[in-house]
Amino acid sequence: AAVLCEQNIALTIPCYQRPYVWPSEDVKDLLEQIIQASAVDESGTPEQSHYFIGTVLTSQVPSGVDSAADITYGLIDGQQRMTTLMVLALAFCEQMPDSSLRSLVVLGNAPRLTFNIREEVQARLSAWAGLTDEVAVDDEEASNPYLKHLCAARKTASDRLKKLLADEGREALERVGQYLFNPVTWVN
């Protein structure tokens, strides 16, 4: 995740990609795995030095005129995993607005991850990142195939992170956030 920030990389989901479809249970499982991997031993070292989420296939595309990106990659394969990581990071930012993960979800004045021609998704991501005012999800949005699983994933992640904060405190939440930002790795 840190590489995206260091190299000013933006990610875009091409219009031909299917909607985000990961079920909430898969989102919860991934977050649980990251929480477990970030657990530290007696010396303060994480149980796993790296956590690989797999390979992502991209194609470099032109950055938009108003983009703060140095490089923009279109996600050809791996959009479900990368979108899930962004949703997890957004859920962290909801709990900890000062988290370093904010630099992962926002690039310049826009979400780092964009969905081509999916204005309703862009509006929701912008609101979750705090770039625009958030409005409640209405019935039409709740049934929208491009938003349904995305909203459910964010709620699942937010609920689990709230529980982590309540059960183990801010230090545990910060530890998991830092782990998500640094050792969680994808191969492009």
C-alpha atoms as a PDB file:
ATOM      1  CA  ALA A   1       0.000   0.000   0.000  1.00  0.00           C
ATOM      2  CA  ALA A   2       2.823   2.390   0.823  1.00  0.00           C
ATOM      3  CA  VAL A   3       4.170   1.968  -2.733  1.00  0.00           C
ATOM      4  CA  LEU A   4       0.965   3.478  -4.150  1.00  0.00           C
ATOM      5  CA  CYS A   5       1.558   6.575  -2.037  1.00  0.00           C
ATOM      6  CA  GLU A   6       5.304   6.845  -2.616  1.00  0.00           C
ATOM      7  CA  GLN A   7       4.941   6.671  -6.398  1.00  0.00           C
ATOM      8  CA  ASN A   8       1.724   8.751  -6.669  1.00  0.00           C
ATOM      9  CA  ILE A   9      -0.117   5.869  -8.306  1.00  0.00           C
ATOM     10  CA  ALA A  10      -3.834   6.073  -9.013  1.00  0.00           C
ATOM     11  CA  LEU A  11      -5.961   3.019  -9.749  1.00  0.00           C
ATOM     12  CA  THR A  12      -8.960   2.948 -12.023  1.00  0.00           C
ATOM     13  CA  ILE A  13     -11.535   0.276 -12.675  1.00  0.00           C
ATOM     14  CA  PRO A  14     -12.268   0.091 -16.430  1.00  0.00           C
ATOM     15  CA  CYS A  15     -15.895   0.334 -17.541  1.00  0.00           C
ATOM     16  CA  TYR A  16     -15.916  -3.271 -18.780  1.00  0.00           C
ATOM     17  CA  GLN A  17     -15.280  -4.669 -15.283  1.00  0.00           C
ATOM     18  CA  ARG A  18     -18.113  -6.293 -13.387  1.00  0.00           C
ATOM     19  CA  PRO A  19     -19.459  -4.672 -10.216  1.00  0.00           C
ATOM     20  CA  TYR A  20     -17.792  -5.228  -6.868  1.00  0.00           C
ATOM     21  CA  VAL A  21     -19.254  -8.529  -5.652  1.00  0.00           C
ATOM     22  CA  TRP A  22     -17.253  -9.718  -2.648  1.00  0.00           C
ATOM     23  CA  PRO A  23     -19.677 -10.930   0.010  1.00  0.00           C
ATOM     24  CA  SER A  24     -19.387  -9.435   3.486  1.00  0.00           C
ATOM     25  CA  GLU A  25     -18.143 -12.772   4.855  1.00  0.00           C
ATOM     26  CA  ASP A  26     -15.095 -12.652   2.536  1.00  0.00           C
ATOM     27  CA  VAL A  27     -14.380  -9.064   3.575  1.00  0.00           C
ATOM     28  CA  LYS A  28     -14.590 -10.059   7.233  1.00  0.00           C
ATOM     29  CA  ASP A  29     -12.323 -13.068   6.631  1.00  0.00           C
ATOM     30  CA  LEU A  30      -9.680 -10.925   4.923  1.00  0.00           C
ATOM     31  CA  LEU A  31      -9.777  -8.365   7.719  1.00  0.00           C
ATOM     32  CA  GLU A  32      -9.512 -11.128  10.345  1.00  0.00           C
ATOM     33  CA  GLN A  33      -6.485 -12.556   8.546  1.00  0.00           C
ATOM     34  CA  ILE A  34      -4.838  -9.122   8.505  1.00  0.00           C
ATOM     35  CA  ILE A  35      -5.628  -8.605  12.198  1.00  0.00           C
ATOM     36  CA  GLN A  36      -4.088 -12.000  13.024  1.00  0.00           C
ATOM     37  CA  ALA A  37      -1.047 -11.394  10.811  1.00  0.00           C
ATOM     38  CA  SER A  38      -0.418  -8.037  12.513  1.00  0.00           C
ATOM     39  CA  ALA A  39      -0.423  -9.553  16.011  1.00  0.00           C
ATOM     40  CA  VAL A  40       2.951  -9.021  17.668  1.00  0.00           C
ATOM     41  CA  ASP A  41       5.084 -11.416  19.673  1.00  0.00           C
ATOM     42  CA  GLU A  42       6.853 -10.632  22.961  1.00  0.00           C
ATOM     43  CA  SER A  43       9.529  -8.600  21.138  1.00  0.00           C
ATOM     44  CA  GLY A  44       6.924  -6.453  19.369  1.00  0.00           C
ATOM     45  CA  THR A  45       7.509  -8.062  15.965  1.00  0.00           C
ATOM     46  CA  PRO A  46       4.449  -8.873  13.825  1.00  0.00           C
ATOM     47  CA  GLU A  47       3.624 -12.574  13.491  1.00  0.00           C
ATOM     48  CA  GLN A  48       3.971 -12.236   9.698  1.00  0.00           C
ATOM     49  CA  SER A  49       6.499  -9.814   8.233  1.00  0.00           C
ATOM     50  CA  HIS A  50       4.506  -9.637   4.965  1.00  0.00           C
ATOM     51  CA  TYR A  51       0.982 -10.456   3.943  1.00  0.00           C
ATOM     52  CA  PHE A  52       0.541 -11.022   0.215  1.00  0.00           C
ATOM     53  CA  ILE A  53      -2.926 -10.510  -1.240  1.00  0.00           C
ATOM     54  CA  GLY A  54      -1.899 -11.888  -4.607  1.00  0.00           C
ATOM     55  CA  THR A  55      -1.137 -10.671  -8.075  1.00  0.00           C
ATOM     56  CA  VAL A  56      -2.833  -7.725  -9.693  1.00  0.00           C
ATOM     57  CA  LEU A  57      -2.750  -7.307 -13.467  1.00  0.00           C
ATOM     58  CA  THR A  58      -2.773  -3.708 -14.650  1.00  0.00           C
ATOM     59  CA  SER A  59      -2.296  -1.623 -17.740  1.00  0.00           C
ATOM     60  CA  GLN A  60      -0.916   1.893 -17.587  1.00  0.00           C
ATOM     61  CA  VAL A  61      -3.477   4.424 -18.797  1.00  0.00           C
ATOM     62  CA  PRO A  62      -3.255   8.197 -19.217  1.00  0.00           C
ATOM     63  CA  SER A  63      -3.808  10.121 -15.991  1.00  0.00           C
ATOM     64  CA  GLY A  64      -6.683  12.585 -16.077  1.00  0.00           C
ATOM     65  CA  VAL A  65      -5.984  16.270 -16.653  1.00  0.00           C
ATOM     66  CA  ASP A  66      -6.919  17.155 -13.067  1.00  0.00           C
ATOM     67  CA  SER A  67      -5.290  14.075 -11.548  1.00  0.00           C
ATOM     68  CA  ALA A  68      -2.530  14.357  -8.945  1.00  0.00           C
ATOM     69  CA  ALA A  69      -1.245  10.944 -10.099  1.00  0.00           C
ATOM     70  CA  ASP A  70       2.153  10.453 -11.682  1.00  0.00           C
ATOM     71  CA  ILE A  71       1.002   7.040 -12.946  1.00  0.00           C
ATOM     72  CA  THR A  72      -2.497   5.634 -13.398  1.00  0.00           C
ATOM     73  CA  TYR A  73      -3.083   1.908 -13.714  1.00  0.00           C
ATOM     74  CA  GLY A  74      -6.279   0.351 -15.010  1.00  0.00           C
ATOM     75  CA  LEU A  75      -7.056  -2.798 -13.020  1.00  0.00           C
ATOM     76  CA  ILE A  76      -7.490  -5.668 -15.455  1.00  0.00           C
ATOM     77  CA  ASP A  77      -7.433  -8.420 -12.827  1.00  0.00           C
ATOM     78  CA  GLY A  78      -7.580  -8.035  -9.057  1.00  0.00           C
ATOM     79  CA  GLN A  79     -10.187  -5.288  -8.796  1.00  0.00           C
ATOM     80  CA  GLN A  80     -12.162  -7.195  -6.138  1.00  0.00           C
ATOM     81  CA  ARG A  81      -9.122  -7.481  -3.853  1.00  0.00           C
ATOM     82  CA  MET A  82      -7.909  -3.924  -4.445  1.00  0.00           C
ATOM     83  CA  THR A  83     -11.380  -2.501  -3.933  1.00  0.00           C
ATOM     84  CA  THR A  84     -11.658  -4.499  -0.699  1.00  0.00           C
ATOM     85  CA  LEU A  85      -8.326  -3.101   0.511  1.00  0.00           C
ATOM     86  CA  MET A  86      -9.532   0.428  -0.223  1.00  0.00           C
ATOM     87  CA  VAL A  87     -12.788  -0.243   1.618  1.00  0.00           C
ATOM     88  CA  LEU A  88     -10.801  -1.536   4.622  1.00  0.00           C
ATOM     89  CA  ALA A  89      -8.626   1.576   4.533  1.00  0.00           C
ATOM     90  CA  LEU A  90     -11.711   3.805   4.321  1.00  0.00           C
ATOM     91  CA  ALA A  91     -13.189   2.016   7.336  1.00  0.00           C
ATOM     92  CA  PHE A  92      -9.951   2.678   9.248  1.00  0.00           C
ATOM     93  CA  CYS A  93     -10.103   6.350   8.342  1.00  0.00           C
ATOM     94  CA  GLU A  94     -13.639   6.476   9.719  1.00  0.00           C
ATOM     95  CA  GLN A  95     -12.336   5.229  13.086  1.00  0.00           C
ATOM     96  CA  MET A  96      -9.009   7.086  12.971  1.00  0.00           C
ATOM     97  CA  PRO A  97      -9.186  10.165  10.711  1.00  0.00           C
ATOM     98  CA  ASP A  98      -5.488  10.886  11.355  1.00  0.00           C
ATOM     99  CA  SER A  99      -4.407   7.426  10.138  1.00  0.00           C
ATOM    100  CA  SER A 100      -1.636   7.170   7.539  1.00  0.00           C
ATOM    101  CA  LEU A 101      -4.166   5.171   5.540  1.00  0.00           C
ATOM    102  CA  ARG A 102      -5.770   8.473   4.557  1.00  0.00           C
ATOM    103  CA  SER A 103      -2.901   8.970   2.095  1.00  0.00           C
ATOM    104  CA  LEU A 104      -3.790   5.584   0.611  1.00  0.00           C
ATOM    105  CA  VAL A 105      -7.451   6.348  -0.040  1.00  0.00           C
ATOM    106  CA  VAL A 106      -7.011   9.949  -1.218  1.00  0.00           C
ATOM    107  CA  LEU A 107      -4.698  11.272  -3.930  1.00  0.00           C
ATOM    108  CA  GLY A 108      -4.818  15.029  -4.352  1.00  0.00           C
ATOM    109  CA  ASN A 109      -8.468  15.927  -3.890  1.00  0.00           C
ATOM    110  CA  ALA A 110      -9.997  12.688  -5.195  1.00  0.00           C
ATOM    111  CA  PRO A 111     -10.231   9.029  -4.218  1.00  0.00           C
ATOM    112  CA  ARG A 112      -7.108   7.114  -5.292  1.00  0.00           C
ATOM    113  CA  LEU A 113      -9.364   4.375  -6.689  1.00  0.00           C
ATOM    114  CA  THR A 114     -11.799   5.450  -9.390  1.00  0.00           C
ATOM    115  CA  PHE A 115     -14.508   3.592 -11.247  1.00  0.00           C
ATOM    116  CA  ASN A 116     -14.867   4.682 -14.875  1.00  0.00           C
ATOM    117  CA  ILE A 117     -18.406   5.788 -15.765  1.00  0.00           C
ATOM    118  CA  ARG A 118     -19.746   4.773 -12.329  1.00  0.00           C
ATOM    119  CA  GLU A 119     -20.612   8.170 -10.889  1.00  0.00           C
ATOM    120  CA  GLU A 120     -22.661   6.690  -8.055  1.00  0.00           C
ATOM    121  CA  VAL A 121     -19.637   4.668  -6.889  1.00  0.00           C
ATOM    122  CA  GLN A 122     -17.337   7.699  -7.165  1.00  0.00           C
ATOM    123  CA  ALA A 123     -19.766   9.782  -5.139  1.00  0.00           C
ATOM    124  CA  ARG A 124     -19.897   7.153  -2.384  1.00  0.00           C
ATOM    125  CA  LEU A 125     -16.094   6.711  -2.271  1.00  0.00           C
ATOM    126  CA  SER A 126     -15.611  10.493  -2.133  1.00  0.00           C
ATOM    127  CA  ALA A 127     -18.056  10.770   0.756  1.00  0.00           C
ATOM    128  CA  TRP A 128     -16.437   7.901   2.665  1.00  0.00           C
ATOM    129  CA  ALA A 129     -13.051   9.563   2.198  1.00  0.00           C
ATOM    130  CA  GLY A 130     -14.459  12.782   3.669  1.00  0.00           C
ATOM    131  CA  LEU A 131     -14.050  14.707   0.416  1.00  0.00           C
ATOM    132  CA  THR A 132     -17.789  15.400   0.093  1.00  0.00           C
ATOM    133  CA  ASP A 133     -20.761  15.283   2.421  1.00  0.00           C
ATOM    134  CA  GLU A 134     -22.130  11.811   3.007  1.00  0.00           C
ATOM    135  CA  VAL A 135     -25.802  11.185   2.479  1.00  0.00           C
ATOM    136  CA  ALA A 136     -27.723   8.146   3.686  1.00  0.00           C
ATOM    137  CA  VAL A 137     -28.055   5.233   1.284  1.00  0.00           C
ATOM    138  CA  ASP A 138     -31.576   5.264  -0.150  1.00  0.00           C
ATOM    139  CA  ASP A 139     -33.556   2.267  -1.439  1.00  0.00           C
ATOM    140  CA  GLU A 140     -32.432   2.816  -5.033  1.00  0.00           C
ATOM    141  CA  GLU A 141     -28.762   2.843  -4.017  1.00  0.00           C
ATOM    142  CA  ALA A 142     -29.246  -0.157  -1.733  1.00  0.00           C
ATOM    143  CA  SER A 143     -30.345  -2.232  -4.731  1.00  0.00           C
ATOM    144  CA  ASN A 144     -27.799  -0.768  -7.181  1.00  0.00           C
ATOM    145  CA  PRO A 145     -25.492  -3.647  -8.222  1.00  0.00           C
ATOM    146  CA  TYR A 146     -22.494  -1.296  -8.234  1.00  0.00           C
ATOM    147  CA  LEU A 147     -23.129  -0.145  -4.641  1.00  0.00           C
ATOM    148  CA  LYS A 148     -24.859  -3.002  -2.839  1.00  0.00           C
ATOM    149  CA  HIS A 149     -21.795  -5.092  -1.959  1.00  0.00           C
ATOM    150  CA  LEU A 150     -19.566  -2.040  -1.597  1.00  0.00           C
ATOM    151  CA  CYS A 151     -21.803  -0.562   1.113  1.00  0.00           C
ATOM    152  CA  ALA A 152     -22.121  -3.934   2.839  1.00  0.00           C
ATOM    153  CA  ALA A 153     -18.329  -4.385   2.773  1.00  0.00           C
ATOM    154  CA  ARG A 154     -17.729  -1.008   4.367  1.00  0.00           C
ATOM    155  CA  LYS A 155     -20.290  -1.705   7.099  1.00  0.00           C
ATOM    156  CA  THR A 156     -18.717  -5.108   7.814  1.00  0.00           C
ATOM    157  CA  ALA A 157     -15.229  -3.579   8.051  1.00  0.00           C
ATOM    158  CA  SER A 158     -16.423  -0.642  10.168  1.00  0.00           C
ATOM    159  CA  ASP A 159     -18.281  -2.908  12.580  1.00  0.00           C
ATOM    160  CA  ARG A 160     -15.252  -5.187  13.041  1.00  0.00           C
ATOM    161  CA  LEU A 161     -12.870  -2.257  13.563  1.00  0.00           C
ATOM    162  CA  LYS A 162     -15.233  -0.695  16.123  1.00  0.00           C
ATOM    163  CA  LYS A 163     -15.208  -4.018  17.977  1.00  0.00           C
ATOM    164  CA  LEU A 164     -11.409  -4.189  17.807  1.00  0.00           C
ATOM    165  CA  LEU A 165     -11.203  -0.660  19.234  1.00  0.00           C
ATOM    166  CA  ALA A 166     -13.681  -1.473  22.018  1.00  0.00           C
ATOM    167  CA  ASP A 167     -12.064  -4.819  22.911  1.00  0.00           C
ATOM    168  CA  GLU A 168      -8.359  -4.063  22.518  1.00  0.00           C
ATOM    169  CA  GLY A 169      -8.043  -0.275  22.374  1.00  0.00           C
ATOM    170  CA  ARG A 170      -6.554   2.331  20.083  1.00  0.00           C
ATOM    171  CA  GLU A 171      -3.089   0.767  20.106  1.00  0.00           C
ATOM    172  CA  ALA A 172      -4.428  -2.437  18.519  1.00  0.00           C
ATOM    173  CA  LEU A 173      -6.329  -0.448  15.908  1.00  0.00           C
ATOM    174  CA  GLU A 174      -3.197   1.582  15.079  1.00  0.00           C
ATOM    175  CA  ARG A 175      -1.130  -1.620  14.836  1.00  0.00           C
ATOM    176  CA  VAL A 176      -3.537  -3.165  12.329  1.00  0.00           C
ATOM    177  CA  GLY A 177      -3.721   0.091  10.344  1.00  0.00           C
ATOM    178  CA  GLN A 178       0.057   0.316  10.110  1.00  0.00           C
ATOM    179  CA  TYR A 179       0.205  -3.318   9.074  1.00  0.00           C
ATOM    180  CA  LEU A 180      -2.338  -2.719   6.332  1.00  0.00           C
ATOM    181  CA  PHE A 181      -0.332   0.299   5.147  1.00  0.00           C
ATOM    182  CA  ASN A 182       3.108  -1.357   5.076  1.00  0.00           C
ATOM    183  CA  PRO A 183       3.413  -5.194   5.098  1.00  0.00           C
ATOM    184  CA  VAL A 184       0.192  -5.901   3.178  1.00  0.00           C
ATOM    185  CA  THR A 185       1.584  -6.285  -0.331  1.00  0.00           C
ATOM    186  CA  TRP A 186       0.305  -6.884  -3.819  1.00  0.00           C
ATOM    187  CA  VAL A 187       2.346  -7.844  -6.874  1.00  0.00           C
ATOM    188  CA  ASN A 188       1.739  -5.770 -10.009  1.00  0.00           C
END
